[in-house]
Amino acid sequence: MERPRMTAVSQLRERSTRDLPAMHFPEAIGGAFAVEFGRFLDQTDGVDQSERLFDLLSAFALNFDCRWVSYGSISSNQKSLKTVRRDPAVLLKFPEEWQERYFEMGYDRIDPIIKTCRTRADAFRWSEVYNDVSTTEDERRVFDEAATFGLRSGISVPLHGPDRSLAIMSFAQARNGELQNRTIQYLQFAALHFHLKVSQFANSSCIEGGPALSPREIECLSWIASGKSSWEIGQILEISLDTVNFHVKNVLQKMDTSNRTEAAVNAIRLGII
């Protein structure tokens, strides 16, 4: 497989976003960025659901041609995203096929984005990591395979917490190329705004209705409760058998159950379905 061409970066950025030099963008473009960012802030005012907030963030990212967005948190004693998949704060708009491949191949254990986020405070381009001399060939393979699933270029934003926790927001494009510094600034501001609001949700209330499941996971669980097999659910939802089993596995992990029937019963009891 031919490796996607990545733009070399001469050096890592050593300053925070607020210290970046002013970019010479046409006034109309810069004004449009500011207007869209202001609209995003207005739209999120008063929103108290992380899923709705994530939808607004994803819509804002589309202004910069970032079709794919992901957000997840990692505690200080975690080494990978494996256990984070059970966390209701994990929100993904990455291709489902790539998610399956990512965990199937164990890329969560070698993902260079996670490693880089632990030591960075500012947003960075994926190409910086790809071209860094310390990045191994195995780590580069994560980027190479992601590109085959449509994630051809992007940035990640480290979001460090006071308890040494770490959240990561990533924005990806379906085309080769590099986001401009001004674009990265706005996406980083939006990611920080999102993260702070989600953190406020977690601090101000506790989860009463059980684990948070994605809409697709709830659909699969509902059909399980109706007695449908994975193959039948795939036919109903028009998704592959592997994709159904992927969602069912996530449900079992999030609900801490060992079988489908127990998960369905608990979901009914908790009012999830």
Protein backbone atom coordinates (compact mmCIF):
# COMPACT_ATOMS: atom_id res chain seq x y z
CA MET A 1 0.00 0.00 0.00
CA GLU A 2 1.41 3.35 -0.99
CA ARG A 3 1.94 5.68 1.95
CA PRO A 4 -0.04 8.94 1.69
CA ARG A 5 2.22 11.91 1.06
CA MET A 6 2.56 14.02 4.19
CA THR A 7 3.79 17.60 4.27
CA ALA A 8 7.01 17.92 6.27
CA VAL A 9 7.09 20.30 9.20
CA SER A 10 10.43 21.94 9.93
CA GLN A 11 9.96 22.13 13.69
CA LEU A 12 7.46 21.52 16.46
CA ARG A 13 5.59 24.54 17.66
CA GLU A 14 6.94 25.62 21.07
CA ARG A 15 4.49 28.34 21.88
CA SER A 16 0.88 28.22 22.92
CA THR A 17 -1.87 29.24 20.53
CA ARG A 18 -2.15 32.74 21.92
CA ASP A 19 1.50 33.39 21.02
CA LEU A 20 1.15 32.48 17.35
CA PRO A 21 1.92 35.33 14.96
CA ALA A 22 -0.98 37.00 13.21
CA MET A 23 -1.87 35.30 9.94
CA HIS A 24 -2.27 37.35 6.78
CA PHE A 25 -5.69 36.06 5.73
CA PRO A 26 -7.98 38.07 3.50
CA GLU A 27 -10.23 40.17 5.70
CA ALA A 28 -13.40 38.52 4.38
CA ILE A 29 -12.11 35.02 5.25
CA GLY A 30 -10.95 36.03 8.71
CA GLY A 31 -14.28 37.73 9.33
CA ALA A 32 -16.16 34.62 8.24
CA PHE A 33 -14.18 32.50 10.71
CA ALA A 34 -15.00 34.92 13.51
CA VAL A 35 -18.69 34.96 12.60
CA GLU A 36 -18.92 31.17 12.53
CA PHE A 37 -17.09 30.86 15.84
CA GLY A 38 -19.39 33.44 17.42
CA ARG A 39 -22.40 31.54 16.09
CA PHE A 40 -21.04 28.32 17.58
CA LEU A 41 -20.66 29.96 21.00
CA ASP A 42 -24.20 31.34 20.80
CA GLN A 43 -25.63 27.97 19.78
CA THR A 44 -23.94 26.17 22.68
CA ASP A 45 -25.14 28.67 25.26
CA GLY A 46 -27.55 26.85 27.56
CA VAL A 47 -26.95 23.40 26.01
CA ASP A 48 -26.74 20.81 28.78
CA GLN A 49 -26.30 17.58 26.82
CA SER A 50 -22.87 16.47 25.65
CA GLU A 51 -24.26 14.72 22.57
CA ARG A 52 -26.04 17.88 21.39
CA LEU A 53 -22.94 19.93 22.13
CA PHE A 54 -20.86 17.48 20.10
CA ASP A 55 -23.27 17.79 17.17
CA LEU A 56 -22.84 21.57 17.24
CA LEU A 57 -19.06 21.21 17.40
CA SER A 58 -19.12 18.81 14.45
CA ALA A 59 -21.23 21.26 12.44
CA PHE A 60 -18.75 24.03 13.25
CA ALA A 61 -15.83 21.84 12.13
CA LEU A 62 -17.50 21.34 8.75
CA ASN A 63 -16.82 25.03 8.06
CA PHE A 64 -13.17 24.01 7.81
CA ASP A 65 -13.83 20.85 5.79
CA CYS A 66 -13.27 18.64 8.84
CA ARG A 67 -15.80 15.87 8.33
CA TRP A 68 -14.53 13.59 11.07
CA VAL A 69 -14.40 14.53 14.77
CA SER A 70 -13.59 12.51 17.89
CA TYR A 71 -13.38 13.23 21.60
CA GLY A 72 -12.32 10.97 24.44
CA SER A 73 -10.75 11.15 27.88
CA ILE A 74 -7.94 9.11 29.43
CA SER A 75 -7.20 8.98 33.15
CA SER A 76 -3.64 9.26 34.40
CA ASN A 77 -3.26 5.50 34.93
CA GLN A 78 -4.54 4.46 31.51
CA LYS A 79 -2.13 3.64 28.72
CA SER A 80 -4.55 3.42 25.80
CA LEU A 81 -8.08 4.16 24.63
CA LYS A 82 -9.23 0.57 25.20
CA THR A 83 -11.05 1.22 28.46
CA VAL A 84 -12.11 4.69 27.39
CA ARG A 85 -14.61 3.08 25.00
CA ARG A 86 -16.77 2.36 28.06
CA ASP A 87 -16.76 6.00 29.06
CA PRO A 88 -19.98 7.89 28.27
CA ALA A 89 -17.86 10.97 27.59
CA VAL A 90 -16.36 9.34 24.49
CA LEU A 91 -17.93 10.79 21.36
CA LEU A 92 -16.94 9.68 17.89
CA LYS A 93 -17.81 10.69 14.37
CA PHE A 94 -15.07 8.62 12.79
CA PRO A 95 -16.03 5.95 10.23
CA GLU A 96 -17.36 2.86 12.00
CA GLU A 97 -15.20 0.62 9.83
CA TRP A 98 -12.09 2.48 10.97
CA GLN A 99 -13.13 2.21 14.62
CA GLU A 100 -13.45 -1.57 14.22
CA ARG A 101 -10.09 -1.84 12.48
CA TYR A 102 -8.41 0.45 15.02
CA PHE A 103 -9.27 -1.72 18.04
CA GLU A 104 -9.03 -5.01 16.17
CA MET A 105 -5.39 -4.25 15.29
CA GLY A 106 -4.59 -2.93 18.77
CA TYR A 107 -3.75 0.53 17.44
CA ASP A 108 -5.08 2.03 20.66
CA ARG A 109 -1.89 0.71 22.30
CA ILE A 110 0.53 2.31 19.84
CA ASP A 111 -1.37 5.37 18.61
CA PRO A 112 1.26 8.13 18.32
CA ILE A 113 -1.42 10.79 18.77
CA ILE A 114 -2.02 9.62 22.34
CA LYS A 115 1.71 9.57 23.05
CA THR A 116 2.16 13.06 21.64
CA CYS A 117 -0.83 14.49 23.51
CA ARG A 118 0.69 13.45 26.83
CA THR A 119 3.61 15.81 26.27
CA ARG A 120 1.99 18.65 24.31
CA ALA A 121 -0.21 21.51 25.46
CA ASP A 122 -1.12 22.96 22.08
CA ALA A 123 -2.87 21.59 18.99
CA PHE A 124 -0.67 19.83 16.44
CA ARG A 125 -0.96 18.56 12.90
CA TRP A 126 -0.82 14.81 12.37
CA SER A 127 1.89 15.38 9.77
CA GLU A 128 4.15 16.73 12.52
CA VAL A 129 3.94 13.41 14.33
CA TYR A 130 4.18 11.35 11.14
CA ASN A 131 7.40 13.05 10.09
CA ASP A 132 8.98 13.21 13.53
CA VAL A 133 12.17 11.15 13.67
CA SER A 134 11.04 9.49 16.93
CA THR A 135 7.87 8.07 15.33
CA THR A 136 8.26 4.37 14.53
CA GLU A 137 7.11 2.59 11.38
CA ASP A 138 4.43 0.77 13.41
CA GLU A 139 3.13 4.12 14.64
CA ARG A 140 3.14 5.56 11.14
CA ARG A 141 1.05 2.60 10.02
CA VAL A 142 -1.80 3.93 12.16
CA PHE A 143 -1.86 7.08 10.01
CA ASP A 144 -1.40 5.13 6.79
CA GLU A 145 -4.37 2.87 7.49
CA ALA A 146 -6.51 5.76 8.74
CA ALA A 147 -5.97 7.42 5.37
CA THR A 148 -7.40 4.38 3.57
CA PHE A 149 -10.61 4.85 5.57
CA GLY A 150 -10.89 8.51 4.58
CA LEU A 151 -9.00 10.23 7.41
CA ARG A 152 -6.24 11.68 5.23
CA SER A 153 -5.11 14.67 7.28
CA GLY A 154 -5.99 16.28 10.57
CA ILE A 155 -5.07 17.80 13.89
CA SER A 156 -5.41 16.78 17.52
CA VAL A 157 -5.94 19.01 20.55
CA PRO A 158 -4.60 17.85 23.96
CA LEU A 159 -6.91 18.90 26.82
CA HIS A 160 -5.15 18.42 30.15
CA GLY A 161 -7.04 18.35 33.43
CA PRO A 162 -5.93 19.37 36.94
CA ASP A 163 -6.01 15.71 38.08
CA ARG A 164 -3.51 14.66 35.39
CA SER A 165 -6.35 13.40 33.26
CA LEU A 166 -6.17 13.90 29.53
CA ALA A 167 -8.85 14.40 26.90
CA ILE A 168 -8.13 14.41 23.18
CA MET A 169 -10.14 16.16 20.49
CA SER A 170 -9.28 15.30 16.90
CA PHE A 171 -10.48 16.85 13.64
CA ALA A 172 -9.84 15.09 10.33
CA GLN A 173 -10.31 15.83 6.66
CA ALA A 174 -11.08 13.42 3.84
CA ARG A 175 -8.45 15.04 1.60
CA ASN A 176 -4.71 15.50 1.71
CA GLY A 177 -3.56 18.92 2.77
CA GLU A 178 -2.79 21.02 5.81
CA LEU A 179 -5.04 23.21 7.92
CA GLN A 180 -3.86 26.80 8.21
CA ASN A 181 -2.71 28.16 11.57
CA ARG A 182 -5.75 30.42 11.88
CA THR A 183 -8.06 27.46 11.30
CA ILE A 184 -6.23 25.43 13.93
CA GLN A 185 -6.66 28.30 16.39
CA TYR A 186 -10.41 28.37 15.96
CA LEU A 187 -10.72 24.58 16.19
CA GLN A 188 -8.60 24.57 19.34
CA PHE A 189 -10.75 27.29 20.91
CA ALA A 190 -13.90 25.32 20.01
CA ALA A 191 -12.43 22.10 21.43
CA LEU A 192 -11.52 23.83 24.70
CA HIS A 193 -14.98 25.39 24.94
CA PHE A 194 -16.57 21.97 24.38
CA HIS A 195 -14.29 20.28 26.92
CA LEU A 196 -14.97 22.85 29.64
CA LYS A 197 -18.72 22.55 29.21
CA VAL A 198 -18.60 18.73 29.24
CA SER A 199 -16.45 18.86 32.38
CA GLN A 200 -19.06 21.10 34.00
CA PHE A 201 -21.76 18.56 33.15
CA ALA A 202 -19.74 15.82 34.85
CA ASN A 203 -19.04 17.92 37.95
CA SER A 204 -22.57 19.24 38.42
CA SER A 205 -24.56 16.04 38.03
CA CYS A 206 -24.19 12.30 38.27
CA ILE A 207 -25.45 9.73 35.81
CA GLU A 208 -28.80 8.36 37.01
CA GLY A 209 -30.02 6.40 34.02
CA GLY A 210 -27.10 4.02 33.60
CA PRO A 211 -24.32 4.21 31.03
CA ALA A 212 -24.68 6.51 28.06
CA LEU A 213 -25.10 4.57 24.83
CA SER A 214 -24.81 5.91 21.31
CA PRO A 215 -27.99 6.04 19.17
CA ARG A 216 -26.77 3.06 17.12
CA GLU A 217 -26.01 1.04 20.26
CA ILE A 218 -29.51 1.74 21.58
CA GLU A 219 -30.99 0.62 18.25
CA CYS A 220 -29.10 -2.66 18.40
CA LEU A 221 -30.02 -3.17 22.04
CA SER A 222 -33.69 -2.52 21.30
CA TRP A 223 -33.72 -5.21 18.61
CA ILE A 224 -31.89 -7.60 20.95
CA ALA A 225 -34.69 -7.04 23.46
CA SER A 226 -37.10 -7.97 20.67
CA GLY A 227 -35.33 -11.30 20.22
CA LYS A 228 -33.46 -10.49 17.02
CA SER A 229 -30.11 -12.09 16.16
CA SER A 230 -27.10 -10.05 15.07
CA TRP A 231 -27.67 -11.11 11.46
CA GLU A 232 -31.33 -10.00 11.63
CA ILE A 233 -30.37 -6.68 13.21
CA GLY A 234 -27.87 -6.11 10.41
CA GLN A 235 -30.58 -6.68 7.82
CA ILE A 236 -32.99 -4.34 9.59
CA LEU A 237 -30.47 -1.54 10.09
CA GLU A 238 -28.71 -2.19 6.76
CA ILE A 239 -25.28 -2.57 8.34
CA SER A 240 -22.82 -5.47 8.28
CA LEU A 241 -22.84 -8.34 10.76
CA ASP A 242 -19.39 -7.28 11.98
CA THR A 243 -20.66 -3.75 12.63
CA VAL A 244 -23.62 -5.11 14.65
CA ASN A 245 -21.30 -7.27 16.74
CA PHE A 246 -18.99 -4.26 17.21
CA HIS A 247 -21.86 -2.22 18.71
CA VAL A 248 -23.12 -5.15 20.81
CA LYS A 249 -19.64 -5.64 22.24
CA ASN A 250 -19.54 -1.95 23.19
CA VAL A 251 -22.95 -2.27 24.87
CA LEU A 252 -21.79 -5.23 26.95
CA GLN A 253 -18.68 -3.34 28.03
CA LYS A 254 -20.53 -0.14 28.91
CA MET A 255 -23.22 -2.01 30.83
CA ASP A 256 -20.71 -4.34 32.47
CA THR A 257 -22.69 -7.43 31.48
CA SER A 258 -21.54 -10.76 30.11
CA ASN A 259 -24.40 -11.53 27.72
CA ARG A 260 -26.94 -9.86 25.45
CA THR A 261 -30.03 -10.91 27.40
CA GLU A 262 -28.74 -9.44 30.65
CA ALA A 263 -27.87 -6.21 28.87
CA ALA A 264 -31.37 -5.95 27.39
CA VAL A 265 -33.04 -6.62 30.74
CA ASN A 266 -30.90 -4.03 32.50
CA ALA A 267 -31.55 -1.50 29.75
CA ILE A 268 -35.31 -1.92 30.16
CA ARG A 269 -35.02 -1.63 33.94
CA LEU A 270 -32.97 1.59 33.62
CA GLY A 271 -35.32 3.06 31.04
CA ILE A 272 -32.65 3.17 28.32
CA ILE A 273 -35.00 1.35 25.96
